[in-house]
Amino acid sequence: MTIEEKAKWFDRALRFALDGKIQLIMKSYKDGVAKWAIIDTEKNLVLNSNLEWEPEPTLAKDRDEAFLIRTRFDFETAVSQYQQYKMYAQ
């Protein structure tokens, strides 16, 4: 995915976030690696790798390693997950 494609997709995601309650959010940035999550801000749910919604714990200490692996993605994977979810949901 080129930088232009990433910027275009990110722009679309921002517009979608304004129209709906689902947002792509950077949850962490460590050692040059960003981790993104797809979150339904209305219901406080996060989309996991099985394309299922699960509750987002409010406290960081309640998020175990398995939860982080299921729900945090690099940018390109998050984009792919969201696109798969949109196809699956329709």
PDB file of N, CA and C in Angstrom:
ATOM      1  N   MET A   1       0.855  -1.167   0.000  1.00  0.00           N
ATOM      2  CA  MET A   1       0.000   0.000   0.000  1.00  0.00           C
ATOM      3  C   MET A   1       0.906   1.236   0.000  1.00  0.00           C
ATOM      4  N   THR A   2       0.692   2.118  -0.963  1.00  0.00           N
ATOM      5  CA  THR A   2       1.513   3.325  -1.054  1.00  0.00           C
ATOM      6  C   THR A   2       1.080   4.348  -0.008  1.00  0.00           C
ATOM      7  N   ILE A   3       1.915   5.339   0.181  1.00  0.00           N
ATOM      8  CA  ILE A   3       1.587   6.409   1.141  1.00  0.00           C
ATOM      9  C   ILE A   3       0.325   7.136   0.694  1.00  0.00           C
ATOM     10  N   GLU A   4       0.185   7.343  -0.613  1.00  0.00           N
ATOM     11  CA  GLU A   4      -1.011   8.016  -1.124  1.00  0.00           C
ATOM     12  C   GLU A   4      -2.268   7.195  -0.843  1.00  0.00           C
ATOM     13  N   GLU A   5      -2.175   5.869  -1.020  1.00  0.00           N
ATOM     14  CA  GLU A   5      -3.317   4.997  -0.737  1.00  0.00           C
ATOM     15  C   GLU A   5      -3.653   5.015   0.753  1.00  0.00           C
ATOM     16  N   LYS A   6      -2.632   5.001   1.604  1.00  0.00           N
ATOM     17  CA  LYS A   6      -2.870   5.066   3.046  1.00  0.00           C
ATOM     18  C   LYS A   6      -3.561   6.374   3.416  1.00  0.00           C
ATOM     19  N   ALA A   7      -3.076   7.485   2.846  1.00  0.00           N
ATOM     20  CA  ALA A   7      -3.673   8.793   3.140  1.00  0.00           C
ATOM     21  C   ALA A   7      -5.116   8.850   2.655  1.00  0.00           C
ATOM     22  N   LYS A   8      -5.372   8.295   1.483  1.00  0.00           N
ATOM     23  CA  LYS A   8      -6.733   8.289   0.937  1.00  0.00           C
ATOM     24  C   LYS A   8      -7.656   7.455   1.828  1.00  0.00           C
ATOM     25  N   TRP A   9      -7.191   6.273   2.245  1.00  0.00           N
ATOM     26  CA  TRP A   9      -8.018   5.425   3.099  1.00  0.00           C
ATOM     27  C   TRP A   9      -8.251   6.095   4.445  1.00  0.00           C
ATOM     28  N   PHE A  10      -7.196   6.707   4.997  1.00  0.00           N
ATOM     29  CA  PHE A  10      -7.325   7.361   6.290  1.00  0.00           C
ATOM     30  C   PHE A  10      -8.332   8.504   6.207  1.00  0.00           C
ATOM     31  N   ASP A  11      -8.297   9.247   5.098  1.00  0.00           N
ATOM     32  CA  ASP A  11      -9.263  10.328   4.896  1.00  0.00           C
ATOM     33  C   ASP A  11     -10.680   9.770   4.869  1.00  0.00           C
ATOM     34  N   ARG A  12     -10.880   8.659   4.201  1.00  0.00           N
ATOM     35  CA  ARG A  12     -12.201   8.015   4.170  1.00  0.00           C
ATOM     36  C   ARG A  12     -12.625   7.575   5.566  1.00  0.00           C
ATOM     37  N   ALA A  13     -11.688   7.015   6.309  1.00  0.00           N
ATOM     38  CA  ALA A  13     -12.001   6.552   7.663  1.00  0.00           C
ATOM     39  C   ALA A  13     -12.431   7.723   8.539  1.00  0.00           C
ATOM     40  N   LEU A  14     -11.767   8.852   8.380  1.00  0.00           N
ATOM     41  CA  LEU A  14     -12.149  10.023   9.161  1.00  0.00           C
ATOM     42  C   LEU A  14     -13.555  10.470   8.801  1.00  0.00           C
ATOM     43  N   ARG A  15     -13.867  10.464   7.518  1.00  0.00           N
ATOM     44  CA  ARG A  15     -15.209  10.860   7.104  1.00  0.00           C
ATOM     45  C   ARG A  15     -16.234   9.859   7.610  1.00  0.00           C
ATOM     46  N   PHE A  16     -15.877   8.568   7.584  1.00  0.00           N
ATOM     47  CA  PHE A  16     -16.798   7.552   8.100  1.00  0.00           C
ATOM     48  C   PHE A  16     -17.022   7.766   9.593  1.00  0.00           C
ATOM     49  N   ALA A  17     -15.952   8.104  10.285  1.00  0.00           N
ATOM     50  CA  ALA A  17     -16.070   8.338  11.723  1.00  0.00           C
ATOM     51  C   ALA A  17     -17.010   9.502  12.002  1.00  0.00           C
ATOM     52  N   LEU A  18     -17.027  10.468  11.149  1.00  0.00           N
ATOM     53  CA  LEU A  18     -17.924  11.602  11.344  1.00  0.00           C
ATOM     54  C   LEU A  18     -19.373  11.209  11.074  1.00  0.00           C
ATOM     55  N   ASP A  19     -19.570  10.263  10.183  1.00  0.00           N
ATOM     56  CA  ASP A  19     -20.923   9.833   9.833  1.00  0.00           C
ATOM     57  C   ASP A  19     -21.438   8.720  10.737  1.00  0.00           C
ATOM     58  N   GLY A  20     -20.547   7.941  11.261  1.00  0.00           N
ATOM     59  CA  GLY A  20     -20.958   6.796  12.071  1.00  0.00           C
ATOM     60  C   GLY A  20     -20.208   6.754  13.380  1.00  0.00           C
ATOM     61  N   LYS A  21     -20.355   5.676  14.068  1.00  0.00           N
ATOM     62  CA  LYS A  21     -19.738   5.524  15.387  1.00  0.00           C
ATOM     63  C   LYS A  21     -18.499   4.631  15.373  1.00  0.00           C
ATOM     64  N   ILE A  22     -18.163   4.057  14.228  1.00  0.00           N
ATOM     65  CA  ILE A  22     -17.002   3.174  14.143  1.00  0.00           C
ATOM     66  C   ILE A  22     -15.798   3.996  13.698  1.00  0.00           C
ATOM     67  N   GLN A  23     -14.704   3.871  14.451  1.00  0.00           N
ATOM     68  CA  GLN A  23     -13.513   4.652  14.165  1.00  0.00           C
ATOM     69  C   GLN A  23     -12.272   3.779  14.185  1.00  0.00           C
ATOM     70  N   LEU A  24     -11.320   4.153  13.347  1.00  0.00           N
ATOM     71  CA  LEU A  24      -9.999   3.533  13.373  1.00  0.00           C
ATOM     72  C   LEU A  24      -9.135   4.420  14.261  1.00  0.00           C
ATOM     73  N   ILE A  25      -8.607   3.859  15.337  1.00  0.00           N
ATOM     74  CA  ILE A  25      -7.893   4.660  16.331  1.00  0.00           C
ATOM     75  C   ILE A  25      -6.522   4.049  16.606  1.00  0.00           C
ATOM     76  N   MET A  26      -5.487   4.904  16.600  1.00  0.00           N
ATOM     77  CA  MET A  26      -4.162   4.437  16.992  1.00  0.00           C
ATOM     78  C   MET A  26      -4.158   4.309  18.515  1.00  0.00           C
ATOM     79  N   LYS A  27      -3.932   3.098  18.998  1.00  0.00           N
ATOM     80  CA  LYS A  27      -3.981   2.846  20.438  1.00  0.00           C
ATOM     81  C   LYS A  27      -2.608   2.919  21.099  1.00  0.00           C
ATOM     82  N   SER A  28      -1.545   2.669  20.323  1.00  0.00           N
ATOM     83  CA  SER A  28      -0.204   2.761  20.903  1.00  0.00           C
ATOM     84  C   SER A  28       0.819   2.989  19.797  1.00  0.00           C
ATOM     85  N   TYR A  29       1.946   3.528  20.199  1.00  0.00           N
ATOM     86  CA  TYR A  29       3.071   3.740  19.286  1.00  0.00           C
ATOM     87  C   TYR A  29       4.338   3.502  20.091  1.00  0.00           C
ATOM     88  N   LYS A  30       4.997   2.386  19.797  1.00  0.00           N
ATOM     89  CA  LYS A  30       6.173   2.009  20.579  1.00  0.00           C
ATOM     90  C   LYS A  30       7.259   1.495  19.648  1.00  0.00           C
ATOM     91  N   ASP A  31       8.462   2.001  19.815  1.00  0.00           N
ATOM     92  CA  ASP A  31       9.617   1.588  19.010  1.00  0.00           C
ATOM     93  C   ASP A  31       9.345   1.717  17.514  1.00  0.00           C
ATOM     94  N   GLY A  32       8.661   2.770  17.120  1.00  0.00           N
ATOM     95  CA  GLY A  32       8.391   3.022  15.709  1.00  0.00           C
ATOM     96  C   GLY A  32       7.267   2.193  15.119  1.00  0.00           C
ATOM     97  N   VAL A  33       6.542   1.462  15.947  1.00  0.00           N
ATOM     98  CA  VAL A  33       5.447   0.616  15.469  1.00  0.00           C
ATOM     99  C   VAL A  33       4.132   1.086  16.087  1.00  0.00           C
ATOM    100  N   ALA A  34       3.182   1.405  15.220  1.00  0.00           N
ATOM    101  CA  ALA A  34       1.861   1.830  15.688  1.00  0.00           C
ATOM    102  C   ALA A  34       0.928   0.628  15.732  1.00  0.00           C
ATOM    103  N   LYS A  35       0.075   0.600  16.722  1.00  0.00           N
ATOM    104  CA  LYS A  35      -0.961  -0.432  16.838  1.00  0.00           C
ATOM    105  C   LYS A  35      -2.313   0.259  16.785  1.00  0.00           C
ATOM    106  N   TRP A  36      -3.168  -0.220  15.884  1.00  0.00           N
ATOM    107  CA  TRP A  36      -4.468   0.378  15.624  1.00  0.00           C
ATOM    108  C   TRP A  36      -5.580  -0.559  16.061  1.00  0.00           C
ATOM    109  N   ALA A  37      -6.723   0.029  16.400  1.00  0.00           N
ATOM    110  CA  ALA A  37      -7.914  -0.741  16.761  1.00  0.00           C
ATOM    111  C   ALA A  37      -9.118  -0.136  16.055  1.00  0.00           C
ATOM    112  N   ILE A  38     -10.089  -0.978  15.735  1.00  0.00           N
ATOM    113  CA  ILE A  38     -11.348  -0.541  15.135  1.00  0.00           C
ATOM    114  C   ILE A  38     -12.375  -0.571  16.254  1.00  0.00           C
ATOM    115  N   ILE A  39     -12.882   0.612  16.606  1.00  0.00           N
ATOM    116  CA  ILE A  39     -13.713   0.744  17.800  1.00  0.00           C
ATOM    117  C   ILE A  39     -15.074   1.337  17.471  1.00  0.00           C
ATOM    118  N   ASP A  40     -16.107   0.721  18.034  1.00  0.00           N
ATOM    119  CA  ASP A  40     -17.456   1.284  17.999  1.00  0.00           C
ATOM    120  C   ASP A  40     -17.557   2.161  19.242  1.00  0.00           C
ATOM    121  N   THR A  41     -17.447   3.474  19.058  1.00  0.00           N
ATOM    122  CA  THR A  41     -17.396   4.387  20.202  1.00  0.00           C
ATOM    123  C   THR A  41     -18.734   4.516  20.913  1.00  0.00           C
ATOM    124  N   GLU A  42     -19.822   4.225  20.228  1.00  0.00           N
ATOM    125  CA  GLU A  42     -21.138   4.319  20.858  1.00  0.00           C
ATOM    126  C   GLU A  42     -21.338   3.211  21.894  1.00  0.00           C
ATOM    127  N   LYS A  43     -20.910   2.000  21.547  1.00  0.00           N
ATOM    128  CA  LYS A  43     -21.130   0.839  22.414  1.00  0.00           C
ATOM    129  C   LYS A  43     -19.880   0.418  23.184  1.00  0.00           C
ATOM    130  N   ASN A  44     -18.746   1.102  22.935  1.00  0.00           N
ATOM    131  CA  ASN A  44     -17.463   0.774  23.547  1.00  0.00           C
ATOM    132  C   ASN A  44     -17.068  -0.681  23.274  1.00  0.00           C
ATOM    133  N   LEU A  45     -17.142  -1.053  21.991  1.00  0.00           N
ATOM    134  CA  LEU A  45     -16.755  -2.386  21.548  1.00  0.00           C
ATOM    135  C   LEU A  45     -15.578  -2.264  20.589  1.00  0.00           C
ATOM    136  N   VAL A  46     -14.763  -3.304  20.531  1.00  0.00           N
ATOM    137  CA  VAL A  46     -13.623  -3.330  19.623  1.00  0.00           C
ATOM    138  C   VAL A  46     -13.763  -4.549  18.713  1.00  0.00           C
ATOM    139  N   LEU A  47     -13.412  -4.369  17.438  1.00  0.00           N
ATOM    140  CA  LEU A  47     -13.488  -5.460  16.466  1.00  0.00           C
ATOM    141  C   LEU A  47     -12.239  -6.319  16.609  1.00  0.00           C
ATOM    142  N   ASN A  48     -12.434  -7.628  16.788  1.00  0.00           N
ATOM    143  CA  ASN A  48     -11.275  -8.508  16.943  1.00  0.00           C
ATOM    144  C   ASN A  48     -10.930  -9.191  15.624  1.00  0.00           C
ATOM    145  N   SER A  49      -9.905 -10.006  15.632  1.00  0.00           N
ATOM    146  CA  SER A  49      -9.411 -10.649  14.416  1.00  0.00           C
ATOM    147  C   SER A  49     -10.388 -11.668  13.835  1.00  0.00           C
ATOM    148  N   ASN A  50     -11.406 -12.065  14.592  1.00  0.00           N
ATOM    149  CA  ASN A  50     -12.450 -12.966  14.089  1.00  0.00           C
ATOM    150  C   ASN A  50     -13.637 -12.199  13.518  1.00  0.00           C
ATOM    151  N   LEU A  51     -13.468 -10.870  13.367  1.00  0.00           N
ATOM    152  CA  LEU A  51     -14.528  -9.977  12.881  1.00  0.00           C
ATOM    153  C   LEU A  51     -15.747 -10.004  13.801  1.00  0.00           C
ATOM    154  N   GLU A  52     -15.479 -10.132  15.089  1.00  0.00           N
ATOM    155  CA  GLU A  52     -16.531 -10.100  16.107  1.00  0.00           C
ATOM    156  C   GLU A  52     -16.264  -8.916  17.026  1.00  0.00           C
ATOM    157  N   TRP A  53     -17.337  -8.338  17.539  1.00  0.00           N
ATOM    158  CA  TRP A  53     -17.210  -7.225  18.477  1.00  0.00           C
ATOM    159  C   TRP A  53     -17.088  -7.769  19.892  1.00  0.00           C
ATOM    160  N   GLU A  54     -16.184  -7.193  20.665  1.00  0.00           N
ATOM    161  CA  GLU A  54     -16.059  -7.564  22.070  1.00  0.00           C
ATOM    162  C   GLU A  54     -15.850  -6.299  22.900  1.00  0.00           C
ATOM    163  N   PRO A  55     -16.202  -6.343  24.170  1.00  0.00           N
ATOM    164  CA  PRO A  55     -16.068  -5.153  25.020  1.00  0.00           C
ATOM    165  C   PRO A  55     -14.610  -4.701  25.137  1.00  0.00           C
ATOM    166  N   GLU A  56     -14.419  -3.393  25.119  1.00  0.00           N
ATOM    167  CA  GLU A  56     -13.087  -2.802  25.319  1.00  0.00           C
ATOM    168  C   GLU A  56     -12.946  -2.478  26.805  1.00  0.00           C
ATOM    169  N   PRO A  57     -12.070  -3.188  27.531  1.00  0.00           N
ATOM    170  CA  PRO A  57     -11.892  -2.868  28.953  1.00  0.00           C
ATOM    171  C   PRO A  57     -11.449  -1.415  29.132  1.00  0.00           C
ATOM    172  N   THR A  58     -12.022  -0.746  30.101  1.00  0.00           N
ATOM    173  CA  THR A  58     -11.699   0.661  30.304  1.00  0.00           C
ATOM    174  C   THR A  58     -10.325   0.862  30.934  1.00  0.00           C
ATOM    175  N   LEU A  59      -9.871  -0.090  31.714  1.00  0.00           N
ATOM    176  CA  LEU A  59      -8.562   0.018  32.352  1.00  0.00           C
ATOM    177  C   LEU A  59      -7.527  -0.815  31.604  1.00  0.00           C
ATOM    178  N   ALA A  60      -6.352  -0.230  31.381  1.00  0.00           N
ATOM    179  CA  ALA A  60      -5.291  -0.923  30.654  1.00  0.00           C
ATOM    180  C   ALA A  60      -4.879  -2.219  31.349  1.00  0.00           C
ATOM    181  N   LYS A  61      -4.921  -2.249  32.670  1.00  0.00           N
ATOM    182  CA  LYS A  61      -4.507  -3.460  33.399  1.00  0.00           C
ATOM    183  C   LYS A  61      -5.447  -4.633  33.135  1.00  0.00           C
ATOM    184  N   ASP A  62      -6.664  -4.356  32.650  1.00  0.00           N
ATOM    185  CA  ASP A  62      -7.629  -5.418  32.352  1.00  0.00           C
ATOM    186  C   ASP A  62      -7.459  -5.992  30.948  1.00  0.00           C
ATOM    187  N   ARG A  63      -6.539  -5.433  30.175  1.00  0.00           N
ATOM    188  CA  ARG A  63      -6.295  -5.905  28.805  1.00  0.00           C
ATOM    189  C   ARG A  63      -5.107  -6.862  28.819  1.00  0.00           C
ATOM    190  N   ASP A  64      -5.390  -8.163  28.756  1.00  0.00           N
ATOM    191  CA  ASP A  64      -4.307  -9.137  28.765  1.00  0.00           C
ATOM    192  C   ASP A  64      -3.676  -9.249  27.378  1.00  0.00           C
ATOM    193  N   GLU A  65      -2.594 -10.008  27.299  1.00  0.00           N
ATOM    194  CA  GLU A  65      -1.851 -10.148  26.043  1.00  0.00           C
ATOM    195  C   GLU A  65      -2.717 -10.748  24.938  1.00  0.00           C
ATOM    196  N   ALA A  66      -3.554 -11.713  25.261  1.00  0.00           N
ATOM    197  CA  ALA A  66      -4.434 -12.333  24.258  1.00  0.00           C
ATOM    198  C   ALA A  66      -5.397 -11.299  23.675  1.00  0.00           C
ATOM    199  N   PHE A  67      -5.935 -10.432  24.523  1.00  0.00           N
ATOM    200  CA  PHE A  67      -6.836  -9.375  24.054  1.00  0.00           C
ATOM    201  C   PHE A  67      -6.102  -8.446  23.095  1.00  0.00           C
ATOM    202  N   LEU A  68      -4.888  -8.042  23.445  1.00  0.00           N
ATOM    203  CA  LEU A  68      -4.120  -7.137  22.592  1.00  0.00           C
ATOM    204  C   LEU A  68      -3.782  -7.777  21.252  1.00  0.00           C
ATOM    205  N   ILE A  69      -3.469  -9.051  21.252  1.00  0.00           N
ATOM    206  CA  ILE A  69      -3.166  -9.750  19.999  1.00  0.00           C
ATOM    207  C   ILE A  69      -4.407  -9.820  19.113  1.00  0.00           C
ATOM    208  N   ARG A  70      -5.574 -10.063  19.713  1.00  0.00           N
ATOM    209  CA  ARG A  70      -6.827 -10.171  18.949  1.00  0.00           C
ATOM    210  C   ARG A  70      -7.317  -8.838  18.396  1.00  0.00           C
ATOM    211  N   THR A  71      -7.004  -7.734  19.066  1.00  0.00           N
ATOM    212  CA  THR A  71      -7.673  -6.466  18.749  1.00  0.00           C
ATOM    213  C   THR A  71      -6.760  -5.340  18.285  1.00  0.00           C
ATOM    214  N   ARG A  72      -5.456  -5.519  18.290  1.00  0.00           N
ATOM    215  CA  ARG A  72      -4.533  -4.455  17.879  1.00  0.00           C
ATOM    216  C   ARG A  72      -3.790  -4.898  16.625  1.00  0.00           C
ATOM    217  N   PHE A  73      -3.751  -4.014  15.629  1.00  0.00           N
ATOM    218  CA  PHE A  73      -3.183  -4.364  14.324  1.00  0.00           C
ATOM    219  C   PHE A  73      -2.277  -3.249  13.825  1.00  0.00           C
ATOM    220  N   ASP A  74      -1.362  -3.597  12.905  1.00  0.00           N
ATOM    221  CA  ASP A  74      -0.653  -2.543  12.200  1.00  0.00           C
ATOM    222  C   ASP A  74      -1.662  -1.881  11.259  1.00  0.00           C
ATOM    223  N   PHE A  75      -1.313  -0.739  10.696  1.00  0.00           N
ATOM    224  CA  PHE A  75      -2.276   0.041   9.920  1.00  0.00           C
ATOM    225  C   PHE A  75      -2.866  -0.756   8.752  1.00  0.00           C
ATOM    226  N   GLU A  76      -2.006  -1.401   7.976  1.00  0.00           N
ATOM    227  CA  GLU A  76      -2.492  -2.122   6.794  1.00  0.00           C
ATOM    228  C   GLU A  76      -3.409  -3.277   7.175  1.00  0.00           C
ATOM    229  N   THR A  77      -3.089  -3.976   8.234  1.00  0.00           N
ATOM    230  CA  THR A  77      -3.949  -5.066   8.691  1.00  0.00           C
ATOM    231  C   THR A  77      -5.283  -4.523   9.183  1.00  0.00           C
ATOM    232  N   ALA A  78      -5.251  -3.400   9.887  1.00  0.00           N
ATOM    233  CA  ALA A  78      -6.496  -2.786  10.371  1.00  0.00           C
ATOM    234  C   ALA A  78      -7.390  -2.387   9.201  1.00  0.00           C
ATOM    235  N   VAL A  79      -6.793  -1.830   8.156  1.00  0.00           N
ATOM    236  CA  VAL A  79      -7.563  -1.459   6.963  1.00  0.00           C
ATOM    237  C   VAL A  79      -8.193  -2.703   6.349  1.00  0.00           C
ATOM    238  N   SER A  80      -7.415  -3.765   6.220  1.00  0.00           N
ATOM    239  CA  SER A  80      -7.934  -5.019   5.655  1.00  0.00           C
ATOM    240  C   SER A  80      -9.042  -5.599   6.519  1.00  0.00           C
ATOM    241  N   GLN A  81      -8.847  -5.581   7.835  1.00  0.00           N
ATOM    242  CA  GLN A  81      -9.878  -6.082   8.750  1.00  0.00           C
ATOM    243  C   GLN A  81     -11.182  -5.312   8.565  1.00  0.00           C
ATOM    244  N   TYR A  82     -11.066  -3.996   8.487  1.00  0.00           N
ATOM    245  CA  TYR A  82     -12.263  -3.169   8.343  1.00  0.00           C
ATOM    246  C   TYR A  82     -12.961  -3.456   7.010  1.00  0.00           C
ATOM    247  N   GLN A  83     -12.187  -3.578   5.934  1.00  0.00           N
ATOM    248  CA  GLN A  83     -12.779  -3.877   4.630  1.00  0.00           C
ATOM    249  C   GLN A  83     -13.465  -5.239   4.644  1.00  0.00           C
ATOM    250  N   GLN A  84     -12.853  -6.227   5.278  1.00  0.00           N
ATOM    251  CA  GLN A  84     -13.486  -7.543   5.397  1.00  0.00           C
ATOM    252  C   GLN A  84     -14.766  -7.452   6.212  1.00  0.00           C
ATOM    253  N   TYR A  85     -14.722  -6.692   7.289  1.00  0.00           N
ATOM    254  CA  TYR A  85     -15.916  -6.520   8.117  1.00  0.00           C
ATOM    255  C   TYR A  85     -17.047  -5.890   7.313  1.00  0.00           C
ATOM    256  N   LYS A  86     -16.742  -4.871   6.521  1.00  0.00           N
ATOM    257  CA  LYS A  86     -17.771  -4.197   5.728  1.00  0.00           C
ATOM    258  C   LYS A  86     -18.386  -5.173   4.719  1.00  0.00           C
ATOM    259  N   MET A  87     -17.573  -6.013   4.095  1.00  0.00           N
ATOM    260  CA  MET A  87     -18.100  -7.003   3.145  1.00  0.00           C
ATOM    261  C   MET A  87     -18.933  -8.039   3.887  1.00  0.00           C
ATOM    262  N   TYR A  88     -18.477  -8.466   5.046  1.00  0.00           N
ATOM    263  CA  TYR A  88     -19.155  -9.479   5.850  1.00  0.00           C
ATOM    264  C   TYR A  88     -20.480  -8.941   6.392  1.00  0.00           C
ATOM    265  N   ALA A  89     -20.494  -7.680   6.793  1.00  0.00           N
ATOM    266  CA  ALA A  89     -21.679  -7.081   7.414  1.00  0.00           C
ATOM    267  C   ALA A  89     -22.794  -6.796   6.413  1.00  0.00           C
ATOM    268  N   GLN A  90     -22.447  -6.653   5.135  1.00  0.00           N
ATOM    269  CA  GLN A  90     -23.475  -6.300   4.148  1.00  0.00           C
ATOM    270  C   GLN A  90     -24.211  -7.480   3.626  1.00  0.00           C
TER     271      GLN A  90
END
